[in-house]
Amino acid sequence: MAKLKTIKPLVSSLKPLVGTMPGDEKSRARQEWRGDRPSRQWLKSAWWQRTRQRILVRDQYTCKRCGLLVAGKGEAHVDHIEPHNEDRAKFFCTDEGLQTLCVICHTKHKQAEERRARLLW
């Protein structure tokens, strides 16, 4: 008996031609990250780089939520305690408005809280 070739469906490899569904948070977050939001440029500023380093030293490279030491490259995030929502005055705040968080606490917990707050607002 001859073996039949298994044909993989091409449907899974096609990109949808329609926009994202409401509630598709992952897709929306990707679009926001790539977008022309002013804060993307502010994060590259010399002021932010100096302030970020100062906050990391002040907090001794320790996450303010879970207490994890975040000394490795890419492990520490400096977070605005009050979300700036692209407001320049809130973004360029004093040191008291900033905190050190580990990647997990920042990307998973803090940003989820901010998304929930936006939905309720």
PDB file of N, CA and C in Angstrom:
ATOM      1  N   MET A   1       0.841  -1.171   0.000  1.00  0.00           N
ATOM      2  CA  MET A   1       0.000   0.000   0.000  1.00  0.00           C
ATOM      3  C   MET A   1       0.895   1.246   0.000  1.00  0.00           C
ATOM      4  N   ALA A   2       0.549   2.230  -0.767  1.00  0.00           N
ATOM      5  CA  ALA A   2       1.351   3.440  -0.906  1.00  0.00           C
ATOM      6  C   ALA A   2       1.094   4.376   0.273  1.00  0.00           C
ATOM      7  N   LYS A   3       2.163   5.022   0.704  1.00  0.00           N
ATOM      8  CA  LYS A   3       2.025   6.003   1.785  1.00  0.00           C
ATOM      9  C   LYS A   3       1.449   7.299   1.233  1.00  0.00           C
ATOM     10  N   LEU A   4       0.539   7.848   1.990  1.00  0.00           N
ATOM     11  CA  LEU A   4      -0.041   9.126   1.593  1.00  0.00           C
ATOM     12  C   LEU A   4       0.738  10.248   2.261  1.00  0.00           C
ATOM     13  N   LYS A   5       1.002  11.265   1.502  1.00  0.00           N
ATOM     14  CA  LYS A   5       1.678  12.422   2.072  1.00  0.00           C
ATOM     15  C   LYS A   5       0.694  13.202   2.930  1.00  0.00           C
ATOM     16  N   THR A   6       1.195  13.634   4.070  1.00  0.00           N
ATOM     17  CA  THR A   6       0.373  14.470   4.919  1.00  0.00           C
ATOM     18  C   THR A   6       0.552  15.913   4.476  1.00  0.00           C
ATOM     19  N   ILE A   7      -0.540  16.559   4.193  1.00  0.00           N
ATOM     20  CA  ILE A   7      -0.497  17.940   3.746  1.00  0.00           C
ATOM     21  C   ILE A   7      -0.869  18.827   4.925  1.00  0.00           C
ATOM     22  N   LYS A   8       0.056  19.707   5.271  1.00  0.00           N
ATOM     23  CA  LYS A   8      -0.204  20.634   6.370  1.00  0.00           C
ATOM     24  C   LYS A   8      -1.092  21.765   5.875  1.00  0.00           C
ATOM     25  N   PRO A   9      -2.061  22.104   6.661  1.00  0.00           N
ATOM     26  CA  PRO A   9      -2.919  23.205   6.237  1.00  0.00           C
ATOM     27  C   PRO A   9      -2.156  24.528   6.271  1.00  0.00           C
ATOM     28  N   LEU A  10      -2.403  25.361   5.304  1.00  0.00           N
ATOM     29  CA  LEU A  10      -1.745  26.650   5.220  1.00  0.00           C
ATOM     30  C   LEU A  10      -2.481  27.726   6.003  1.00  0.00           C
ATOM     31  N   VAL A  11      -3.633  27.405   6.499  1.00  0.00           N
ATOM     32  CA  VAL A  11      -4.449  28.392   7.185  1.00  0.00           C
ATOM     33  C   VAL A  11      -3.722  28.968   8.396  1.00  0.00           C
ATOM     34  N   SER A  12      -3.016  28.139   9.135  1.00  0.00           N
ATOM     35  CA  SER A  12      -2.359  28.624  10.340  1.00  0.00           C
ATOM     36  C   SER A  12      -1.227  29.595  10.037  1.00  0.00           C
ATOM     37  N   SER A  13      -0.680  29.555   8.833  1.00  0.00           N
ATOM     38  CA  SER A  13       0.425  30.438   8.505  1.00  0.00           C
ATOM     39  C   SER A  13      -0.028  31.772   7.912  1.00  0.00           C
ATOM     40  N   LEU A  14      -1.317  31.921   7.660  1.00  0.00           N
ATOM     41  CA  LEU A  14      -1.820  33.158   7.094  1.00  0.00           C
ATOM     42  C   LEU A  14      -2.067  34.187   8.183  1.00  0.00           C
ATOM     43  N   LYS A  15      -1.732  35.423   7.895  1.00  0.00           N
ATOM     44  CA  LYS A  15      -2.003  36.495   8.836  1.00  0.00           C
ATOM     45  C   LYS A  15      -3.431  36.985   8.612  1.00  0.00           C
ATOM     46  N   PRO A  16      -4.115  37.341   9.671  1.00  0.00           N
ATOM     47  CA  PRO A  16      -5.475  37.836   9.490  1.00  0.00           C
ATOM     48  C   PRO A  16      -5.474  39.171   8.761  1.00  0.00           C
ATOM     49  N   LEU A  17      -6.445  39.358   7.916  1.00  0.00           N
ATOM     50  CA  LEU A  17      -6.559  40.595   7.166  1.00  0.00           C
ATOM     51  C   LEU A  17      -7.405  41.627   7.894  1.00  0.00           C
ATOM     52  N   VAL A  18      -8.070  41.209   8.937  1.00  0.00           N
ATOM     53  CA  VAL A  18      -8.934  42.075   9.712  1.00  0.00           C
ATOM     54  C   VAL A  18      -8.141  42.569  10.912  1.00  0.00           C
ATOM     55  N   GLY A  19      -8.534  43.687  11.500  1.00  0.00           N
ATOM     56  CA  GLY A  19      -7.861  44.241  12.678  1.00  0.00           C
ATOM     57  C   GLY A  19      -7.995  43.335  13.885  1.00  0.00           C
ATOM     58  N   THR A  20      -7.487  43.788  14.992  1.00  0.00           N
ATOM     59  CA  THR A  20      -7.514  42.988  16.215  1.00  0.00           C
ATOM     60  C   THR A  20      -8.906  42.984  16.826  1.00  0.00           C
ATOM     61  N   MET A  21      -9.197  41.935  17.522  1.00  0.00           N
ATOM     62  CA  MET A  21     -10.480  41.811  18.207  1.00  0.00           C
ATOM     63  C   MET A  21     -10.448  42.642  19.486  1.00  0.00           C
ATOM     64  N   PRO A  22     -11.582  43.188  19.901  1.00  0.00           N
ATOM     65  CA  PRO A  22     -11.614  43.895  21.175  1.00  0.00           C
ATOM     66  C   PRO A  22     -11.211  42.934  22.292  1.00  0.00           C
ATOM     67  N   GLY A  23     -10.362  43.416  23.170  1.00  0.00           N
ATOM     68  CA  GLY A  23      -9.911  42.577  24.272  1.00  0.00           C
ATOM     69  C   GLY A  23      -8.636  41.814  23.955  1.00  0.00           C
ATOM     70  N   ASP A  24      -8.115  41.962  22.745  1.00  0.00           N
ATOM     71  CA  ASP A  24      -6.871  41.288  22.388  1.00  0.00           C
ATOM     72  C   ASP A  24      -5.716  42.129  22.914  1.00  0.00           C
ATOM     73  N   GLU A  25      -5.434  41.994  24.210  1.00  0.00           N
ATOM     74  CA  GLU A  25      -4.460  42.845  24.886  1.00  0.00           C
ATOM     75  C   GLU A  25      -3.037  42.662  24.358  1.00  0.00           C
ATOM     76  N   LYS A  26      -2.662  41.429  24.027  1.00  0.00           N
ATOM     77  CA  LYS A  26      -1.305  41.192  23.537  1.00  0.00           C
ATOM     78  C   LYS A  26      -1.061  41.961  22.248  1.00  0.00           C
ATOM     79  N   SER A  27      -1.986  41.872  21.343  1.00  0.00           N
ATOM     80  CA  SER A  27      -1.843  42.547  20.065  1.00  0.00           C
ATOM     81  C   SER A  27      -1.851  44.059  20.253  1.00  0.00           C
ATOM     82  N   ARG A  28      -2.713  44.544  21.102  1.00  0.00           N
ATOM     83  CA  ARG A  28      -2.788  45.979  21.360  1.00  0.00           C
ATOM     84  C   ARG A  28      -1.483  46.476  21.983  1.00  0.00           C
ATOM     85  N   ALA A  29      -0.918  45.709  22.898  1.00  0.00           N
ATOM     86  CA  ALA A  29       0.341  46.101  23.541  1.00  0.00           C
ATOM     87  C   ALA A  29       1.472  46.158  22.522  1.00  0.00           C
ATOM     88  N   ARG A  30       1.499  45.206  21.588  1.00  0.00           N
ATOM     89  CA  ARG A  30       2.529  45.224  20.545  1.00  0.00           C
ATOM     90  C   ARG A  30       2.392  46.476  19.685  1.00  0.00           C
ATOM     91  N   GLN A  31       1.179  46.838  19.344  1.00  0.00           N
ATOM     92  CA  GLN A  31       0.954  48.025  18.525  1.00  0.00           C
ATOM     93  C   GLN A  31       1.356  49.287  19.270  1.00  0.00           C
ATOM     94  N   GLU A  32       1.035  49.354  20.560  1.00  0.00           N
ATOM     95  CA  GLU A  32       1.394  50.520  21.354  1.00  0.00           C
ATOM     96  C   GLU A  32       2.901  50.661  21.455  1.00  0.00           C
ATOM     97  N   TRP A  33       3.596  49.533  21.632  1.00  0.00           N
ATOM     98  CA  TRP A  33       5.046  49.589  21.781  1.00  0.00           C
ATOM     99  C   TRP A  33       5.693  50.116  20.509  1.00  0.00           C
ATOM    100  N   ARG A  34       5.193  49.698  19.344  1.00  0.00           N
ATOM    101  CA  ARG A  34       5.769  50.118  18.076  1.00  0.00           C
ATOM    102  C   ARG A  34       5.331  51.521  17.682  1.00  0.00           C
ATOM    103  N   GLY A  35       4.286  52.016  18.301  1.00  0.00           N
ATOM    104  CA  GLY A  35       3.717  53.296  17.897  1.00  0.00           C
ATOM    105  C   GLY A  35       4.636  54.473  18.156  1.00  0.00           C
ATOM    106  N   ASP A  36       4.215  55.619  17.693  1.00  0.00           N
ATOM    107  CA  ASP A  36       5.000  56.844  17.846  1.00  0.00           C
ATOM    108  C   ASP A  36       4.587  57.573  19.115  1.00  0.00           C
ATOM    109  N   ARG A  37       4.673  56.888  20.212  1.00  0.00           N
ATOM    110  CA  ARG A  37       4.328  57.506  21.484  1.00  0.00           C
ATOM    111  C   ARG A  37       5.498  58.368  21.942  1.00  0.00           C
ATOM    112  N   PRO A  38       5.226  59.560  22.462  1.00  0.00           N
ATOM    113  CA  PRO A  38       6.307  60.456  22.885  1.00  0.00           C
ATOM    114  C   PRO A  38       7.224  59.836  23.932  1.00  0.00           C
ATOM    115  N   SER A  39       6.675  59.007  24.818  1.00  0.00           N
ATOM    116  CA  SER A  39       7.496  58.446  25.890  1.00  0.00           C
ATOM    117  C   SER A  39       8.607  57.554  25.359  1.00  0.00           C
ATOM    118  N   ARG A  40       8.471  57.011  24.169  1.00  0.00           N
ATOM    119  CA  ARG A  40       9.544  56.191  23.586  1.00  0.00           C
ATOM    120  C   ARG A  40      10.786  57.051  23.361  1.00  0.00           C
ATOM    121  N   GLN A  41      10.579  58.287  22.953  1.00  0.00           N
ATOM    122  CA  GLN A  41      11.710  59.203  22.770  1.00  0.00           C
ATOM    123  C   GLN A  41      12.232  59.699  24.116  1.00  0.00           C
ATOM    124  N   TRP A  42      11.346  59.922  25.074  1.00  0.00           N
ATOM    125  CA  TRP A  42      11.770  60.398  26.391  1.00  0.00           C
ATOM    126  C   TRP A  42      12.662  59.379  27.085  1.00  0.00           C
ATOM    127  N   LEU A  43      12.399  58.083  26.841  1.00  0.00           N
ATOM    128  CA  LEU A  43      13.221  57.039  27.462  1.00  0.00           C
ATOM    129  C   LEU A  43      14.654  57.039  26.938  1.00  0.00           C
ATOM    130  N   LYS A  44      14.873  57.648  25.781  1.00  0.00           N
ATOM    131  CA  LYS A  44      16.213  57.718  25.204  1.00  0.00           C
ATOM    132  C   LYS A  44      16.968  58.975  25.636  1.00  0.00           C
ATOM    133  N   SER A  45      16.292  59.849  26.348  1.00  0.00           N
ATOM    134  CA  SER A  45      16.913  61.133  26.711  1.00  0.00           C
ATOM    135  C   SER A  45      18.012  60.955  27.760  1.00  0.00           C
ATOM    136  N   ALA A  46      18.944  61.894  27.752  1.00  0.00           N
ATOM    137  CA  ALA A  46      20.030  61.867  28.738  1.00  0.00           C
ATOM    138  C   ALA A  46      19.469  62.027  30.148  1.00  0.00           C
ATOM    139  N   TRP A  47      18.427  62.854  30.294  1.00  0.00           N
ATOM    140  CA  TRP A  47      17.818  63.038  31.615  1.00  0.00           C
ATOM    141  C   TRP A  47      17.332  61.696  32.165  1.00  0.00           C
ATOM    142  N   TRP A  48      16.617  60.924  31.337  1.00  0.00           N
ATOM    143  CA  TRP A  48      16.084  59.646  31.802  1.00  0.00           C
ATOM    144  C   TRP A  48      17.208  58.674  32.139  1.00  0.00           C
ATOM    145  N   GLN A  49      18.248  58.620  31.353  1.00  0.00           N
ATOM    146  CA  GLN A  49      19.357  57.701  31.616  1.00  0.00           C
ATOM    147  C   GLN A  49      20.034  58.033  32.943  1.00  0.00           C
ATOM    148  N   ARG A  50      20.256  59.318  33.214  1.00  0.00           N
ATOM    149  CA  ARG A  50      20.856  59.725  34.498  1.00  0.00           C
ATOM    150  C   ARG A  50      19.912  59.422  35.661  1.00  0.00           C
ATOM    151  N   THR A  51      18.638  59.762  35.471  1.00  0.00           N
ATOM    152  CA  THR A  51      17.658  59.544  36.540  1.00  0.00           C
ATOM    153  C   THR A  51      17.488  58.055  36.827  1.00  0.00           C
ATOM    154  N   ARG A  52      17.428  57.249  35.794  1.00  0.00           N
ATOM    155  CA  ARG A  52      17.282  55.794  35.944  1.00  0.00           C
ATOM    156  C   ARG A  52      18.432  55.226  36.772  1.00  0.00           C
ATOM    157  N   GLN A  53      19.654  55.625  36.440  1.00  0.00           N
ATOM    158  CA  GLN A  53      20.817  55.130  37.183  1.00  0.00           C
ATOM    159  C   GLN A  53      20.760  55.573  38.640  1.00  0.00           C
ATOM    160  N   ARG A  54      20.352  56.823  38.863  1.00  0.00           N
ATOM    161  CA  ARG A  54      20.254  57.345  40.228  1.00  0.00           C
ATOM    162  C   ARG A  54      19.222  56.563  41.049  1.00  0.00           C
ATOM    163  N   ILE A  55      18.089  56.218  40.446  1.00  0.00           N
ATOM    164  CA  ILE A  55      17.036  55.474  41.148  1.00  0.00           C
ATOM    165  C   ILE A  55      17.507  54.053  41.451  1.00  0.00           C
ATOM    166  N   LEU A  56      18.185  53.412  40.512  1.00  0.00           N
ATOM    167  CA  LEU A  56      18.692  52.055  40.742  1.00  0.00           C
ATOM    168  C   LEU A  56      19.677  52.032  41.911  1.00  0.00           C
ATOM    169  N   VAL A  57      20.548  53.013  41.977  1.00  0.00           N
ATOM    170  CA  VAL A  57      21.518  53.090  43.080  1.00  0.00           C
ATOM    171  C   VAL A  57      20.788  53.385  44.391  1.00  0.00           C
ATOM    172  N   ARG A  58      19.834  54.328  44.345  1.00  0.00           N
ATOM    173  CA  ARG A  58      19.070  54.667  45.550  1.00  0.00           C
ATOM    174  C   ARG A  58      18.363  53.439  46.124  1.00  0.00           C
ATOM    175  N   ASP A  59      17.754  52.646  45.245  1.00  0.00           N
ATOM    176  CA  ASP A  59      17.007  51.456  45.682  1.00  0.00           C
ATOM    177  C   ASP A  59      17.904  50.226  45.825  1.00  0.00           C
ATOM    178  N   GLN A  60      19.201  50.407  45.650  1.00  0.00           N
ATOM    179  CA  GLN A  60      20.190  49.336  45.782  1.00  0.00           C
ATOM    180  C   GLN A  60      19.877  48.140  44.887  1.00  0.00           C
ATOM    181  N   TYR A  61      19.425  48.435  43.671  1.00  0.00           N
ATOM    182  CA  TYR A  61      19.122  47.399  42.673  1.00  0.00           C
ATOM    183  C   TYR A  61      18.202  46.310  43.238  1.00  0.00           C
ATOM    184  N   THR A  62      17.223  46.724  44.030  1.00  0.00           N
ATOM    185  CA  THR A  62      16.296  45.790  44.654  1.00  0.00           C
ATOM    186  C   THR A  62      14.865  46.157  44.278  1.00  0.00           C
ATOM    187  N   CYS A  63      14.091  45.153  43.856  1.00  0.00           N
ATOM    188  CA  CYS A  63      12.690  45.363  43.484  1.00  0.00           C
ATOM    189  C   CYS A  63      11.898  45.817  44.705  1.00  0.00           C
ATOM    190  N   LYS A  64      11.151  46.900  44.568  1.00  0.00           N
ATOM    191  CA  LYS A  64      10.360  47.434  45.673  1.00  0.00           C
ATOM    192  C   LYS A  64       9.133  46.584  45.994  1.00  0.00           C
ATOM    193  N   ARG A  65       8.722  45.704  45.091  1.00  0.00           N
ATOM    194  CA  ARG A  65       7.554  44.858  45.343  1.00  0.00           C
ATOM    195  C   ARG A  65       7.921  43.541  45.984  1.00  0.00           C
ATOM    196  N   CYS A  66       8.868  42.832  45.369  1.00  0.00           N
ATOM    197  CA  CYS A  66       9.154  41.470  45.845  1.00  0.00           C
ATOM    198  C   CYS A  66      10.499  41.342  46.555  1.00  0.00           C
ATOM    199  N   GLY A  67      11.329  42.387  46.512  1.00  0.00           N
ATOM    200  CA  GLY A  67      12.604  42.356  47.202  1.00  0.00           C
ATOM    201  C   GLY A  67      13.716  41.637  46.454  1.00  0.00           C
ATOM    202  N   LEU A  68      13.494  41.262  45.215  1.00  0.00           N
ATOM    203  CA  LEU A  68      14.488  40.548  44.417  1.00  0.00           C
ATOM    204  C   LEU A  68      15.628  41.486  44.016  1.00  0.00           C
ATOM    205  N   LEU A  69      16.859  40.991  44.101  1.00  0.00           N
ATOM    206  CA  LEU A  69      18.019  41.746  43.656  1.00  0.00           C
ATOM    207  C   LEU A  69      18.039  41.727  42.132  1.00  0.00           C
ATOM    208  N   VAL A  70      18.065  42.893  41.503  1.00  0.00           N
ATOM    209  CA  VAL A  70      17.956  42.981  40.047  1.00  0.00           C
ATOM    210  C   VAL A  70      19.196  43.648  39.461  1.00  0.00           C
ATOM    211  N   ALA A  71      20.347  43.043  39.701  1.00  0.00           N
ATOM    212  CA  ALA A  71      21.612  43.641  39.282  1.00  0.00           C
ATOM    213  C   ALA A  71      22.022  43.251  37.871  1.00  0.00           C
ATOM    214  N   GLY A  72      21.423  42.221  37.296  1.00  0.00           N
ATOM    215  CA  GLY A  72      21.819  41.773  35.960  1.00  0.00           C
ATOM    216  C   GLY A  72      21.287  42.670  34.862  1.00  0.00           C
ATOM    217  N   LYS A  73      21.902  42.564  33.697  1.00  0.00           N
ATOM    218  CA  LYS A  73      21.492  43.372  32.549  1.00  0.00           C
ATOM    219  C   LYS A  73      20.062  43.016  32.124  1.00  0.00           C
ATOM    220  N   GLY A  74      19.219  44.027  32.003  1.00  0.00           N
ATOM    221  CA  GLY A  74      17.846  43.834  31.565  1.00  0.00           C
ATOM    222  C   GLY A  74      16.895  43.337  32.647  1.00  0.00           C
ATOM    223  N   GLU A  75      17.366  43.189  33.874  1.00  0.00           N
ATOM    224  CA  GLU A  75      16.507  42.691  34.947  1.00  0.00           C
ATOM    225  C   GLU A  75      15.780  43.800  35.695  1.00  0.00           C
ATOM    226  N   ALA A  76      16.324  45.015  35.663  1.00  0.00           N
ATOM    227  CA  ALA A  76      15.760  46.114  36.444  1.00  0.00           C
ATOM    228  C   ALA A  76      14.971  47.066  35.559  1.00  0.00           C
ATOM    229  N   HIS A  77      13.795  47.429  36.023  1.00  0.00           N
ATOM    230  CA  HIS A  77      12.984  48.447  35.360  1.00  0.00           C
ATOM    231  C   HIS A  77      12.756  49.573  36.360  1.00  0.00           C
ATOM    232  N   VAL A  78      12.907  50.802  35.904  1.00  0.00           N
ATOM    233  CA  VAL A  78      12.552  51.947  36.733  1.00  0.00           C
ATOM    234  C   VAL A  78      11.149  52.341  36.318  1.00  0.00           C
ATOM    235  N   ASP A  79      10.254  52.334  37.287  1.00  0.00           N
ATOM    236  CA  ASP A  79       8.821  52.480  37.035  1.00  0.00           C
ATOM    237  C   ASP A  79       8.291  53.768  37.637  1.00  0.00           C
ATOM    238  N   HIS A  80       7.343  54.382  36.943  1.00  0.00           N
ATOM    239  CA  HIS A  80       6.625  55.529  37.494  1.00  0.00           C
ATOM    240  C   HIS A  80       5.558  54.993  38.447  1.00  0.00           C
ATOM    241  N   ILE A  81       5.573  55.418  39.680  1.00  0.00           N
ATOM    242  CA  ILE A  81       4.586  54.949  40.665  1.00  0.00           C
ATOM    243  C   ILE A  81       3.188  55.348  40.209  1.00  0.00           C
ATOM    244  N   GLU A  82       3.041  56.593  39.800  1.00  0.00           N
ATOM    245  CA  GLU A  82       1.773  57.050  39.212  1.00  0.00           C
ATOM    246  C   GLU A  82       1.934  57.001  37.696  1.00  0.00           C
ATOM    247  N   PRO A  83       1.072  56.286  36.976  1.00  0.00           N
ATOM    248  CA  PRO A  83       1.222  56.186  35.518  1.00  0.00           C
ATOM    249  C   PRO A  83       1.237  57.562  34.859  1.00  0.00           C
ATOM    250  N   HIS A  84       2.157  57.746  33.902  1.00  0.00           N
ATOM    251  CA  HIS A  84       2.280  59.060  33.259  1.00  0.00           C
ATOM    252  C   HIS A  84       1.318  59.219  32.091  1.00  0.00           C
ATOM    253  N   ASN A  85       0.881  58.132  31.472  1.00  0.00           N
ATOM    254  CA  ASN A  85      -0.084  58.190  30.364  1.00  0.00           C
ATOM    255  C   ASN A  85       0.283  59.244  29.324  1.00  0.00           C
ATOM    256  N   GLU A  86       1.558  59.258  28.939  1.00  0.00           N
ATOM    257  CA  GLU A  86       2.083  60.148  27.914  1.00  0.00           C
ATOM    258  C   GLU A  86       2.010  61.626  28.294  1.00  0.00           C
ATOM    259  N   ASP A  87       1.843  61.930  29.568  1.00  0.00           N
ATOM    260  CA  ASP A  87       1.849  63.312  30.051  1.00  0.00           C
ATOM    261  C   ASP A  87       3.289  63.677  30.393  1.00  0.00           C
ATOM    262  N   ARG A  88       3.818  64.664  29.696  1.00  0.00           N
ATOM    263  CA  ARG A  88       5.229  65.050  29.866  1.00  0.00           C
ATOM    264  C   ARG A  88       5.541  65.456  31.302  1.00  0.00           C
ATOM    265  N   ALA A  89       4.664  66.203  31.934  1.00  0.00           N
ATOM    266  CA  ALA A  89       4.900  66.657  33.316  1.00  0.00           C
ATOM    267  C   ALA A  89       4.980  65.473  34.281  1.00  0.00           C
ATOM    268  N   LYS A  90       4.145  64.462  34.069  1.00  0.00           N
ATOM    269  CA  LYS A  90       4.178  63.279  34.934  1.00  0.00           C
ATOM    270  C   LYS A  90       5.376  62.390  34.629  1.00  0.00           C
ATOM    271  N   PHE A  91       5.798  62.346  33.362  1.00  0.00           N
ATOM    272  CA  PHE A  91       6.944  61.513  32.997  1.00  0.00           C
ATOM    273  C   PHE A  91       8.221  62.055  33.626  1.00  0.00           C
ATOM    274  N   PHE A  92       8.454  63.349  33.487  1.00  0.00           N
ATOM    275  CA  PHE A  92       9.650  63.973  34.036  1.00  0.00           C
ATOM    276  C   PHE A  92       9.378  64.420  35.464  1.00  0.00           C
ATOM    277  N   CYS A  93       9.129  63.451  36.324  1.00  0.00           N
ATOM    278  CA  CYS A  93       8.772  63.721  37.711  1.00  0.00           C
ATOM    279  C   CYS A  93      10.028  63.703  38.596  1.00  0.00           C
ATOM    280  N   THR A  94       9.820  63.938  39.868  1.00  0.00           N
ATOM    281  CA  THR A  94      10.931  63.892  40.824  1.00  0.00           C
ATOM    282  C   THR A  94      11.266  62.435  41.143  1.00  0.00           C
ATOM    283  N   ASP A  95      12.382  62.239  41.821  1.00  0.00           N
ATOM    284  CA  ASP A  95      12.826  60.887  42.161  1.00  0.00           C
ATOM    285  C   ASP A  95      11.832  60.147  43.059  1.00  0.00           C
ATOM    286  N   GLU A  96      11.056  60.869  43.837  1.00  0.00           N
ATOM    287  CA  GLU A  96      10.090  60.224  44.740  1.00  0.00           C
ATOM    288  C   GLU A  96       8.971  59.531  43.963  1.00  0.00           C
ATOM    289  N   GLY A  97       8.760  59.926  42.718  1.00  0.00           N
ATOM    290  CA  GLY A  97       7.705  59.327  41.901  1.00  0.00           C
ATOM    291  C   GLY A  97       8.155  58.098  41.123  1.00  0.00           C
ATOM    292  N   LEU A  98       9.392  57.649  41.367  1.00  0.00           N
ATOM    293  CA  LEU A  98       9.951  56.512  40.629  1.00  0.00           C
ATOM    294  C   LEU A  98      10.378  55.409  41.583  1.00  0.00           C
ATOM    295  N   GLN A  99      10.348  54.176  41.090  1.00  0.00           N
ATOM    296  CA  GLN A  99      10.757  53.032  41.904  1.00  0.00           C
ATOM    297  C   GLN A  99      11.413  51.979  41.019  1.00  0.00           C
ATOM    298  N   THR A 100      12.223  51.119  41.637  1.00  0.00           N
ATOM    299  CA  THR A 100      12.851  50.012  40.931  1.00  0.00           C
ATOM    300  C   THR A 100      11.961  48.790  41.049  1.00  0.00           C
ATOM    301  N   LEU A 101      11.711  48.122  39.922  1.00  0.00           N
ATOM    302  CA  LEU A 101      10.948  46.878  39.906  1.00  0.00           C
ATOM    303  C   LEU A 101      11.701  45.842  39.083  1.00  0.00           C
ATOM    304  N   CYS A 102      11.506  44.570  39.431  1.00  0.00           N
ATOM    305  CA  CYS A 102      12.056  43.501  38.595  1.00  0.00           C
ATOM    306  C   CYS A 102      11.168  43.374  37.352  1.00  0.00           C
ATOM    307  N   VAL A 103      11.636  42.661  36.369  1.00  0.00           N
ATOM    308  CA  VAL A 103      10.899  42.519  35.105  1.00  0.00           C
ATOM    309  C   VAL A 103       9.513  41.926  35.344  1.00  0.00           C
ATOM    310  N   ILE A 104       9.434  40.900  36.170  1.00  0.00           N
ATOM    311  CA  ILE A 104       8.143  40.237  36.397  1.00  0.00           C
ATOM    312  C   ILE A 104       7.159  41.161  37.083  1.00  0.00           C
ATOM    313  N   CYS A 105       7.601  41.835  38.140  1.00  0.00           N
ATOM    314  CA  CYS A 105       6.685  42.737  38.842  1.00  0.00           C
ATOM    315  C   CYS A 105       6.241  43.889  37.944  1.00  0.00           C
ATOM    316  N   HIS A 106       7.122  44.350  37.073  1.00  0.00           N
ATOM    317  CA  HIS A 106       6.760  45.465  36.206  1.00  0.00           C
ATOM    318  C   HIS A 106       5.864  45.035  35.058  1.00  0.00           C
ATOM    319  N   THR A 107       6.277  44.014  34.317  1.00  0.00           N
ATOM    320  CA  THR A 107       5.532  43.657  33.115  1.00  0.00           C
ATOM    321  C   THR A 107       4.269  42.866  33.406  1.00  0.00           C
ATOM    322  N   LYS A 108       4.306  42.062  34.427  1.00  0.00           N
ATOM    323  CA  LYS A 108       3.139  41.222  34.697  1.00  0.00           C
ATOM    324  C   LYS A 108       2.168  41.888  35.662  1.00  0.00           C
ATOM    325  N   HIS A 109       2.654  42.293  36.811  1.00  0.00           N
ATOM    326  CA  HIS A 109       1.757  42.778  37.861  1.00  0.00           C
ATOM    327  C   HIS A 109       1.394  44.253  37.703  1.00  0.00           C
ATOM    328  N   LYS A 110       2.391  45.132  37.613  1.00  0.00           N
ATOM    329  CA  LYS A 110       2.125  46.573  37.583  1.00  0.00           C
ATOM    330  C   LYS A 110       1.371  46.980  36.331  1.00  0.00           C
ATOM    331  N   GLN A 111       1.787  46.501  35.176  1.00  0.00           N
ATOM    332  CA  GLN A 111       1.108  46.886  33.946  1.00  0.00           C
ATOM    333  C   GLN A 111      -0.290  46.286  33.860  1.00  0.00           C
ATOM    334  N   ALA A 112      -0.501  45.119  34.448  1.00  0.00           N
ATOM    335  CA  ALA A 112      -1.850  44.543  34.483  1.00  0.00           C
ATOM    336  C   ALA A 112      -2.766  45.418  35.337  1.00  0.00           C
ATOM    337  N   GLU A 113      -2.243  45.920  36.453  1.00  0.00           N
ATOM    338  CA  GLU A 113      -3.027  46.818  37.307  1.00  0.00           C
ATOM    339  C   GLU A 113      -3.389  48.096  36.541  1.00  0.00           C
ATOM    340  N   GLU A 114      -2.424  48.625  35.796  1.00  0.00           N
ATOM    341  CA  GLU A 114      -2.686  49.847  35.036  1.00  0.00           C
ATOM    342  C   GLU A 114      -3.714  49.616  33.935  1.00  0.00           C
ATOM    343  N   ARG A 115      -3.656  48.449  33.290  1.00  0.00           N
ATOM    344  CA  ARG A 115      -4.657  48.129  32.258  1.00  0.00           C
ATOM    345  C   ARG A 115      -6.050  48.023  32.872  1.00  0.00           C
ATOM    346  N   ARG A 116      -6.145  47.368  34.027  1.00  0.00           N
ATOM    347  CA  ARG A 116      -7.444  47.252  34.705  1.00  0.00           C
ATOM    348  C   ARG A 116      -7.979  48.626  35.075  1.00  0.00           C
ATOM    349  N   ALA A 117      -7.098  49.496  35.557  1.00  0.00           N
ATOM    350  CA  ALA A 117      -7.524  50.834  35.945  1.00  0.00           C
ATOM    351  C   ALA A 117      -8.034  51.620  34.741  1.00  0.00           C
ATOM    352  N   ARG A 118      -7.372  51.457  33.565  1.00  0.00           N
ATOM    353  CA  ARG A 118      -7.842  52.140  32.354  1.00  0.00           C
ATOM    354  C   ARG A 118      -9.203  51.638  31.917  1.00  0.00           C
ATOM    355  N   LEU A 119      -9.438  50.323  32.070  1.00  0.00           N
ATOM    356  CA  LEU A 119     -10.720  49.746  31.681  1.00  0.00           C
ATOM    357  C   LEU A 119     -11.847  50.242  32.588  1.00  0.00           C
ATOM    358  N   LEU A 120     -11.550  50.431  33.867  1.00  0.00           N
ATOM    359  CA  LEU A 120     -12.561  50.891  34.814  1.00  0.00           C
ATOM    360  C   LEU A 120     -12.802  52.382  34.710  1.00  0.00           C
ATOM    361  N   TRP A 121     -11.843  53.111  34.195  1.00  0.00           N
ATOM    362  CA  TRP A 121     -11.945  54.555  34.121  1.00  0.00           C
ATOM    363  C   TRP A 121     -12.811  54.960  33.042  1.00  0.00           C
TER     364      TRP A 121
END
